[in-house]
Amino acid sequence: MLTSPPTNEARVAIEPGFAWDAQDAYLFDIDGTLLRDTGRIHMDSFVPSIRRVTGFEVTLEGIPVHGSTDTAILGEACRQAGIPAEILEPQLGAILEAMRQAVAEQRSEMKLLLMPGVEDALRHLTRKGALLGVATGNLETIGWIKIEEAGLREWFRFGGFSDRFPVRAELIAQAARKGRELAGAEARVCVVGDTPRDIEAARANFLSVIAVATGKFSFDELLRHQPEVCATSLADLLALTRTAL
């Protein structure tokens, strides 16, 4: 497993009074936050899966994918290609299953890159007694495949995925409910993500958020959305915390 090197310029902003590592449960986004699939096996599963099931040709060009969900991306690609809803809807389940199978068949060929500080951060939060889950736009099977192939499965007890939730705020809500079922009804739940959509989804559910600039969006772009924590990476956030001890 490759690990991305630390960023050249470490920057961290923490809202006064917010204890980033003292929340009860954390919901981690996967792509851009925990890891990156540099081989694009997941993204390359959309077009052939739609073609195989419907016979239609589609493209992902022009569709914003960062911070989106698999089901939303699929729906937009089909709308963009002019596939009628009466054709798509009955076959949606088959398309999703084709995507799951395509990724599962190629899982050993995935080229996954861990973002800086991921394993140290998961270890740190677990030692402090936090419950860890994932909340991702990936389909459930695909999300867990990435987590397993990256060697991170031991850290996570539950997850929220996009199989039934094309809107990120809805899958975050589902994951938060699961977290509180396990950690207690009054558990403080924090979202960890790398896009403005992660921040917006957290806010829609009245959850705190840690934003990390390890994906497409820069530190300054994320900071404009006023997360409780904004950091160039989890490694930089941890380094600041250890310095302050």
C-alpha atoms as a PDB file:
ATOM      1  CA  MET A   1       0.000   0.000   0.000  1.00  0.00           C
ATOM      2  CA  LEU A   2       1.437   3.352  -1.044  1.00  0.00           C
ATOM      3  CA  THR A   3       1.196   6.347   1.249  1.00  0.00           C
ATOM      4  CA  SER A   4       1.123   9.891  -0.065  1.00  0.00           C
ATOM      5  CA  PRO A   5       3.942  12.139   1.226  1.00  0.00           C
ATOM      6  CA  PRO A   6       3.111  15.028   3.576  1.00  0.00           C
ATOM      7  CA  THR A   7       2.096  18.332   2.019  1.00  0.00           C
ATOM      8  CA  ASN A   8       4.789  20.979   1.645  1.00  0.00           C
ATOM      9  CA  GLU A   9       2.841  23.680   3.441  1.00  0.00           C
ATOM     10  CA  ALA A  10       1.045  22.515   6.574  1.00  0.00           C
ATOM     11  CA  ARG A  11      -1.993  24.608   7.471  1.00  0.00           C
ATOM     12  CA  VAL A  12      -4.583  23.924  10.143  1.00  0.00           C
ATOM     13  CA  ALA A  13      -7.527  26.007  11.329  1.00  0.00           C
ATOM     14  CA  ILE A  14      -9.612  24.873  14.308  1.00  0.00           C
ATOM     15  CA  GLU A  15     -12.694  26.640  15.618  1.00  0.00           C
ATOM     16  CA  PRO A  16     -12.028  27.856  19.172  1.00  0.00           C
ATOM     17  CA  GLY A  17     -13.357  25.412  21.735  1.00  0.00           C
ATOM     18  CA  PHE A  18     -13.820  22.528  19.306  1.00  0.00           C
ATOM     19  CA  ALA A  19     -11.998  19.371  20.413  1.00  0.00           C
ATOM     20  CA  TRP A  20     -11.493  17.653  17.068  1.00  0.00           C
ATOM     21  CA  ASP A  21     -10.347  14.361  18.593  1.00  0.00           C
ATOM     22  CA  ALA A  22     -12.875  14.190  21.436  1.00  0.00           C
ATOM     23  CA  GLN A  23     -16.072  13.468  19.510  1.00  0.00           C
ATOM     24  CA  ASP A  24     -17.960  10.229  20.092  1.00  0.00           C
ATOM     25  CA  ALA A  25     -18.217   9.011  16.488  1.00  0.00           C
ATOM     26  CA  TYR A  26     -16.646   9.930  13.156  1.00  0.00           C
ATOM     27  CA  LEU A  27     -17.950   9.429   9.623  1.00  0.00           C
ATOM     28  CA  PHE A  28     -15.072   9.276   7.137  1.00  0.00           C
ATOM     29  CA  ASP A  29     -15.487   9.902   3.448  1.00  0.00           C
ATOM     30  CA  ILE A  30     -13.364   7.497   1.395  1.00  0.00           C
ATOM     31  CA  ASP A  31     -12.166   8.993  -1.913  1.00  0.00           C
ATOM     32  CA  GLY A  32      -9.826  11.936  -1.396  1.00  0.00           C
ATOM     33  CA  THR A  33     -10.117  11.684   2.384  1.00  0.00           C
ATOM     34  CA  LEU A  34      -8.846   8.205   3.264  1.00  0.00           C
ATOM     35  CA  LEU A  35      -7.413   7.139  -0.085  1.00  0.00           C
ATOM     36  CA  ARG A  36      -7.290   7.629  -3.823  1.00  0.00           C
ATOM     37  CA  ASP A  37      -7.920   4.986  -6.485  1.00  0.00           C
ATOM     38  CA  THR A  38      -5.199   5.986  -8.923  1.00  0.00           C
ATOM     39  CA  GLY A  39      -6.102   3.118 -11.246  1.00  0.00           C
ATOM     40  CA  ARG A  40      -9.658   4.484 -11.742  1.00  0.00           C
ATOM     41  CA  ILE A  41     -11.189   1.001 -11.637  1.00  0.00           C
ATOM     42  CA  HIS A  42     -14.234   2.336  -9.815  1.00  0.00           C
ATOM     43  CA  MET A  43     -14.846   5.325 -12.108  1.00  0.00           C
ATOM     44  CA  ASP A  44     -14.260   3.205 -15.182  1.00  0.00           C
ATOM     45  CA  SER A  45     -17.087   0.855 -14.145  1.00  0.00           C
ATOM     46  CA  PHE A  46     -19.914   3.311 -14.895  1.00  0.00           C
ATOM     47  CA  VAL A  47     -19.915   3.481 -18.700  1.00  0.00           C
ATOM     48  CA  PRO A  48     -19.572  -0.253 -19.533  1.00  0.00           C
ATOM     49  CA  SER A  49     -22.116  -1.198 -16.861  1.00  0.00           C
ATOM     50  CA  ILE A  50     -24.736   1.142 -18.297  1.00  0.00           C
ATOM     51  CA  ARG A  51     -23.955  -0.063 -21.830  1.00  0.00           C
ATOM     52  CA  ARG A  52     -24.157  -3.727 -20.839  1.00  0.00           C
ATOM     53  CA  VAL A  53     -27.560  -3.377 -19.188  1.00  0.00           C
ATOM     54  CA  THR A  54     -29.304  -0.750 -21.341  1.00  0.00           C
ATOM     55  CA  GLY A  55     -27.399  -0.754 -24.622  1.00  0.00           C
ATOM     56  CA  PHE A  56     -26.979   3.037 -24.373  1.00  0.00           C
ATOM     57  CA  GLU A  57     -23.673   4.857 -24.673  1.00  0.00           C
ATOM     58  CA  VAL A  58     -22.987   7.455 -21.975  1.00  0.00           C
ATOM     59  CA  THR A  59     -20.081   9.604 -20.843  1.00  0.00           C
ATOM     60  CA  LEU A  60     -19.043  11.098 -17.515  1.00  0.00           C
ATOM     61  CA  GLU A  61     -17.551  14.135 -19.226  1.00  0.00           C
ATOM     62  CA  GLY A  62     -18.890  17.371 -17.773  1.00  0.00           C
ATOM     63  CA  ILE A  63     -20.433  15.662 -14.740  1.00  0.00           C
ATOM     64  CA  PRO A  64     -19.101  16.903 -11.357  1.00  0.00           C
ATOM     65  CA  VAL A  65     -17.997  13.740  -9.559  1.00  0.00           C
ATOM     66  CA  HIS A  66     -16.029  15.125  -6.586  1.00  0.00           C
ATOM     67  CA  GLY A  67     -18.249  14.930  -3.532  1.00  0.00           C
ATOM     68  CA  SER A  68     -21.091  13.348  -5.520  1.00  0.00           C
ATOM     69  CA  THR A  69     -22.523   9.840  -5.140  1.00  0.00           C
ATOM     70  CA  ASP A  70     -22.424   6.818  -7.430  1.00  0.00           C
ATOM     71  CA  THR A  71     -26.188   6.835  -7.849  1.00  0.00           C
ATOM     72  CA  ALA A  72     -26.291  10.576  -8.592  1.00  0.00           C
ATOM     73  CA  ILE A  73     -23.434  10.303 -11.119  1.00  0.00           C
ATOM     74  CA  LEU A  74     -25.126   7.372 -12.817  1.00  0.00           C
ATOM     75  CA  GLY A  75     -28.443   9.210 -12.997  1.00  0.00           C
ATOM     76  CA  GLU A  76     -26.876  12.355 -14.421  1.00  0.00           C
ATOM     77  CA  ALA A  77     -24.910  10.384 -17.039  1.00  0.00           C
ATOM     78  CA  CYS A  78     -28.122   8.719 -18.191  1.00  0.00           C
ATOM     79  CA  ARG A  79     -30.069  11.988 -18.276  1.00  0.00           C
ATOM     80  CA  GLN A  80     -27.239  13.612 -20.221  1.00  0.00           C
ATOM     81  CA  ALA A  81     -27.389  10.740 -22.737  1.00  0.00           C
ATOM     82  CA  GLY A  82     -31.153  11.127 -23.086  1.00  0.00           C
ATOM     83  CA  ILE A  83     -32.064   7.750 -21.597  1.00  0.00           C
ATOM     84  CA  PRO A  84     -35.765   7.964 -20.678  1.00  0.00           C
ATOM     85  CA  ALA A  85     -36.650   7.474 -17.011  1.00  0.00           C
ATOM     86  CA  GLU A  86     -39.088   4.697 -17.930  1.00  0.00           C
ATOM     87  CA  ILE A  87     -36.150   2.750 -19.376  1.00  0.00           C
ATOM     88  CA  LEU A  88     -33.607   3.589 -16.670  1.00  0.00           C
ATOM     89  CA  GLU A  89     -35.626   3.075 -13.500  1.00  0.00           C
ATOM     90  CA  PRO A  90     -36.548  -0.608 -14.036  1.00  0.00           C
ATOM     91  CA  GLN A  91     -32.914  -1.389 -14.868  1.00  0.00           C
ATOM     92  CA  LEU A  92     -31.202   0.725 -12.211  1.00  0.00           C
ATOM     93  CA  GLY A  93     -30.662  -2.214  -9.864  1.00  0.00           C
ATOM     94  CA  ALA A  94     -29.062  -4.260 -12.640  1.00  0.00           C
ATOM     95  CA  ILE A  95     -26.722  -1.387 -13.543  1.00  0.00           C
ATOM     96  CA  LEU A  96     -25.616  -0.986  -9.924  1.00  0.00           C
ATOM     97  CA  GLU A  97     -25.023  -4.725  -9.638  1.00  0.00           C
ATOM     98  CA  ALA A  98     -22.951  -4.663 -12.839  1.00  0.00           C
ATOM     99  CA  MET A  99     -20.800  -1.911 -11.315  1.00  0.00           C
ATOM    100  CA  ARG A 100     -20.339  -3.898  -8.112  1.00  0.00           C
ATOM    101  CA  GLN A 101     -19.317  -6.994 -10.045  1.00  0.00           C
ATOM    102  CA  ALA A 102     -16.926  -5.080 -12.307  1.00  0.00           C
ATOM    103  CA  VAL A 103     -15.053  -3.616  -9.331  1.00  0.00           C
ATOM    104  CA  ALA A 104     -15.074  -6.894  -7.375  1.00  0.00           C
ATOM    105  CA  GLU A 105     -13.563  -8.731 -10.336  1.00  0.00           C
ATOM    106  CA  GLN A 106     -10.709  -6.216 -10.537  1.00  0.00           C
ATOM    107  CA  ARG A 107     -10.175  -5.556  -6.841  1.00  0.00           C
ATOM    108  CA  SER A 108      -6.708  -7.116  -6.811  1.00  0.00           C
ATOM    109  CA  GLU A 109      -5.662  -4.715  -9.569  1.00  0.00           C
ATOM    110  CA  MET A 110      -6.650  -1.573  -7.662  1.00  0.00           C
ATOM    111  CA  LYS A 111      -3.895   0.985  -7.189  1.00  0.00           C
ATOM    112  CA  LEU A 112      -4.813   2.658  -3.921  1.00  0.00           C
ATOM    113  CA  LEU A 113      -2.914   5.544  -2.392  1.00  0.00           C
ATOM    114  CA  LEU A 114      -3.448   6.315   1.297  1.00  0.00           C
ATOM    115  CA  MET A 115      -3.729   9.983   2.159  1.00  0.00           C
ATOM    116  CA  PRO A 116      -1.141  11.360   4.629  1.00  0.00           C
ATOM    117  CA  GLY A 117      -1.698  10.475   8.279  1.00  0.00           C
ATOM    118  CA  VAL A 118      -4.749   8.268   7.740  1.00  0.00           C
ATOM    119  CA  GLU A 119      -3.656   5.224   9.729  1.00  0.00           C
ATOM    120  CA  ASP A 120      -2.174   7.366  12.527  1.00  0.00           C
ATOM    121  CA  ALA A 121      -5.377   9.389  12.767  1.00  0.00           C
ATOM    122  CA  LEU A 122      -7.588   6.291  12.896  1.00  0.00           C
ATOM    123  CA  ARG A 123      -5.349   4.782  15.555  1.00  0.00           C
ATOM    124  CA  HIS A 124      -5.353   8.033  17.548  1.00  0.00           C
ATOM    125  CA  LEU A 125      -9.155   8.365  17.517  1.00  0.00           C
ATOM    126  CA  THR A 126      -9.684   4.692  18.344  1.00  0.00           C
ATOM    127  CA  ARG A 127      -7.357   4.941  21.327  1.00  0.00           C
ATOM    128  CA  LYS A 128      -9.433   7.870  22.554  1.00  0.00           C
ATOM    129  CA  GLY A 129     -12.516   5.658  22.494  1.00  0.00           C
ATOM    130  CA  ALA A 130     -14.188   6.984  19.346  1.00  0.00           C
ATOM    131  CA  LEU A 131     -16.471   4.908  17.130  1.00  0.00           C
ATOM    132  CA  LEU A 132     -15.370   5.027  13.486  1.00  0.00           C
ATOM    133  CA  GLY A 133     -17.551   4.633  10.414  1.00  0.00           C
ATOM    134  CA  VAL A 134     -17.463   5.531   6.757  1.00  0.00           C
ATOM    135  CA  ALA A 135     -19.938   7.778   4.941  1.00  0.00           C
ATOM    136  CA  THR A 136     -19.267   7.712   1.235  1.00  0.00           C
ATOM    137  CA  GLY A 137     -20.846   8.260  -2.136  1.00  0.00           C
ATOM    138  CA  ASN A 138     -19.578   4.803  -3.133  1.00  0.00           C
ATOM    139  CA  LEU A 139     -21.926   1.856  -3.424  1.00  0.00           C
ATOM    140  CA  GLU A 140     -21.589  -0.274  -0.299  1.00  0.00           C
ATOM    141  CA  THR A 141     -19.802  -3.214  -1.911  1.00  0.00           C
ATOM    142  CA  ILE A 142     -17.359  -0.907  -3.699  1.00  0.00           C
ATOM    143  CA  GLY A 143     -16.701   1.193  -0.609  1.00  0.00           C
ATOM    144  CA  TRP A 144     -15.851  -1.826   1.543  1.00  0.00           C
ATOM    145  CA  ILE A 145     -13.667  -3.297  -1.213  1.00  0.00           C
ATOM    146  CA  LYS A 146     -11.565  -0.129  -1.217  1.00  0.00           C
ATOM    147  CA  ILE A 147     -11.339  -0.095   2.580  1.00  0.00           C
ATOM    148  CA  GLU A 148     -10.342  -3.770   2.660  1.00  0.00           C
ATOM    149  CA  GLU A 149      -7.795  -3.513  -0.147  1.00  0.00           C
ATOM    150  CA  ALA A 150      -6.263  -0.465   1.552  1.00  0.00           C
ATOM    151  CA  GLY A 151      -5.816  -2.467   4.786  1.00  0.00           C
ATOM    152  CA  LEU A 152      -8.151  -0.219   6.798  1.00  0.00           C
ATOM    153  CA  ARG A 153     -11.101  -2.518   7.516  1.00  0.00           C
ATOM    154  CA  GLU A 154     -10.145  -3.187  11.143  1.00  0.00           C
ATOM    155  CA  TRP A 155     -10.855   0.427  12.102  1.00  0.00           C
ATOM    156  CA  PHE A 156     -14.451   0.730  10.889  1.00  0.00           C
ATOM    157  CA  ARG A 157     -17.581  -0.715  12.462  1.00  0.00           C
ATOM    158  CA  PHE A 158     -20.337   0.651  10.205  1.00  0.00           C
ATOM    159  CA  GLY A 159     -21.025   2.789   7.178  1.00  0.00           C
ATOM    160  CA  GLY A 160     -23.403   4.851   5.080  1.00  0.00           C
ATOM    161  CA  PHE A 161     -23.438   4.388   1.302  1.00  0.00           C
ATOM    162  CA  SER A 162     -25.216   5.643  -1.796  1.00  0.00           C
ATOM    163  CA  ASP A 163     -27.028   2.462  -2.931  1.00  0.00           C
ATOM    164  CA  ARG A 164     -30.353   3.947  -1.793  1.00  0.00           C
ATOM    165  CA  PHE A 165     -29.273   7.542  -1.270  1.00  0.00           C
ATOM    166  CA  PRO A 166     -28.280   9.636  -4.309  1.00  0.00           C
ATOM    167  CA  VAL A 167     -28.178  12.742  -2.087  1.00  0.00           C
ATOM    168  CA  ARG A 168     -25.099  12.882   0.154  1.00  0.00           C
ATOM    169  CA  ALA A 169     -26.955  14.543   3.032  1.00  0.00           C
ATOM    170  CA  GLU A 170     -29.313  11.559   3.144  1.00  0.00           C
ATOM    171  CA  LEU A 171     -26.559   8.961   3.354  1.00  0.00           C
ATOM    172  CA  ILE A 172     -24.849  11.065   6.035  1.00  0.00           C
ATOM    173  CA  ALA A 173     -28.125  11.075   7.972  1.00  0.00           C
ATOM    174  CA  GLN A 174     -28.346   7.281   7.692  1.00  0.00           C
ATOM    175  CA  ALA A 175     -24.737   6.836   8.826  1.00  0.00           C
ATOM    176  CA  ALA A 176     -25.249   9.218  11.745  1.00  0.00           C
ATOM    177  CA  ARG A 177     -28.293   7.213  12.869  1.00  0.00           C
ATOM    178  CA  LYS A 178     -26.255   4.020  12.789  1.00  0.00           C
ATOM    179  CA  GLY A 179     -23.463   5.700  14.728  1.00  0.00           C
ATOM    180  CA  ARG A 180     -25.855   6.820  17.447  1.00  0.00           C
ATOM    181  CA  GLU A 181     -27.392   3.369  17.631  1.00  0.00           C
ATOM    182  CA  LEU A 182     -23.924   2.074  18.510  1.00  0.00           C
ATOM    183  CA  ALA A 183     -22.481   4.995  20.485  1.00  0.00           C
ATOM    184  CA  GLY A 184     -25.599   6.328  22.193  1.00  0.00           C
ATOM    185  CA  ALA A 185     -28.512   8.546  21.250  1.00  0.00           C
ATOM    186  CA  GLU A 186     -26.689  11.704  22.340  1.00  0.00           C
ATOM    187  CA  ALA A 187     -23.368  10.823  20.699  1.00  0.00           C
ATOM    188  CA  ARG A 188     -21.497  13.709  19.107  1.00  0.00           C
ATOM    189  CA  VAL A 189     -20.950  12.749  15.462  1.00  0.00           C
ATOM    190  CA  CYS A 190     -18.333  14.395  13.269  1.00  0.00           C
ATOM    191  CA  VAL A 191     -17.989  14.120   9.471  1.00  0.00           C
ATOM    192  CA  VAL A 192     -14.503  13.949   7.920  1.00  0.00           C
ATOM    193  CA  GLY A 193     -14.320  14.822   4.228  1.00  0.00           C
ATOM    194  CA  ASP A 194     -12.427  16.576   1.460  1.00  0.00           C
ATOM    195  CA  THR A 195     -15.094  18.494  -0.479  1.00  0.00           C
ATOM    196  CA  PRO A 196     -17.568  21.333   0.083  1.00  0.00           C
ATOM    197  CA  ARG A 197     -20.336  18.761  -0.405  1.00  0.00           C
ATOM    198  CA  ASP A 198     -19.122  16.880   2.660  1.00  0.00           C
ATOM    199  CA  ILE A 199     -19.363  20.106   4.653  1.00  0.00           C
ATOM    200  CA  GLU A 200     -22.817  20.914   3.264  1.00  0.00           C
ATOM    201  CA  ALA A 201     -24.078  17.393   4.028  1.00  0.00           C
ATOM    202  CA  ALA A 202     -22.760  17.622   7.585  1.00  0.00           C
ATOM    203  CA  ARG A 203     -24.423  21.001   8.075  1.00  0.00           C
ATOM    204  CA  ALA A 204     -27.729  19.667   6.712  1.00  0.00           C
ATOM    205  CA  ASN A 205     -27.634  17.133   9.558  1.00  0.00           C
ATOM    206  CA  PHE A 206     -26.362  19.562  12.219  1.00  0.00           C
ATOM    207  CA  LEU A 207     -23.056  17.692  12.497  1.00  0.00           C
ATOM    208  CA  SER A 208     -19.562  19.043  12.999  1.00  0.00           C
ATOM    209  CA  VAL A 209     -17.023  18.547  10.230  1.00  0.00           C
ATOM    210  CA  ILE A 210     -13.293  18.156   9.702  1.00  0.00           C
ATOM    211  CA  ALA A 211     -12.273  19.152   6.173  1.00  0.00           C
ATOM    212  CA  VAL A 212      -8.981  17.955   4.717  1.00  0.00           C
ATOM    213  CA  ALA A 213      -7.416  19.351   1.557  1.00  0.00           C
ATOM    214  CA  THR A 214      -6.179  15.997   0.269  1.00  0.00           C
ATOM    215  CA  GLY A 215      -8.593  15.826  -2.667  1.00  0.00           C
ATOM    216  CA  LYS A 216      -9.434  18.268  -5.437  1.00  0.00           C
ATOM    217  CA  PHE A 217     -10.199  21.266  -3.231  1.00  0.00           C
ATOM    218  CA  SER A 218      -7.582  23.500  -1.644  1.00  0.00           C
ATOM    219  CA  PHE A 219      -7.326  24.479   2.000  1.00  0.00           C
ATOM    220  CA  ASP A 220      -8.634  27.977   1.234  1.00  0.00           C
ATOM    221  CA  GLU A 221     -11.563  26.677  -0.821  1.00  0.00           C
ATOM    222  CA  LEU A 222     -12.635  24.405   2.021  1.00  0.00           C
ATOM    223  CA  LEU A 223     -12.055  27.032   4.707  1.00  0.00           C
ATOM    224  CA  ARG A 224     -14.546  29.358   3.005  1.00  0.00           C
ATOM    225  CA  HIS A 225     -17.268  26.864   3.942  1.00  0.00           C
ATOM    226  CA  GLN A 226     -16.411  27.293   7.642  1.00  0.00           C
ATOM    227  CA  PRO A 227     -15.858  23.741   8.868  1.00  0.00           C
ATOM    228  CA  GLU A 228     -14.994  23.315  12.546  1.00  0.00           C
ATOM    229  CA  VAL A 229     -11.580  22.088  11.410  1.00  0.00           C
ATOM    230  CA  CYS A 230      -9.752  22.649   8.142  1.00  0.00           C
ATOM    231  CA  ALA A 231      -6.357  21.025   7.564  1.00  0.00           C
ATOM    232  CA  THR A 232      -4.048  20.389   4.662  1.00  0.00           C
ATOM    233  CA  SER A 233      -4.040  16.735   5.753  1.00  0.00           C
ATOM    234  CA  LEU A 234      -4.810  14.491   8.687  1.00  0.00           C
ATOM    235  CA  ALA A 235      -1.048  14.176   9.170  1.00  0.00           C
ATOM    236  CA  ASP A 236      -0.765  17.941   9.618  1.00  0.00           C
ATOM    237  CA  LEU A 237      -3.718  17.993  12.015  1.00  0.00           C
ATOM    238  CA  LEU A 238      -2.129  15.249  14.115  1.00  0.00           C
ATOM    239  CA  ALA A 239       1.251  16.971  14.086  1.00  0.00           C
ATOM    240  CA  LEU A 240      -0.265  20.179  15.430  1.00  0.00           C
ATOM    241  CA  THR A 241      -2.091  18.248  18.146  1.00  0.00           C
ATOM    242  CA  ARG A 242       1.058  16.431  19.248  1.00  0.00           C
ATOM    243  CA  THR A 243       3.026  19.689  19.311  1.00  0.00           C
ATOM    244  CA  ALA A 244       0.407  21.231  21.570  1.00  0.00           C
ATOM    245  CA  LEU A 245       0.600  18.363  24.108  1.00  0.00           C
END
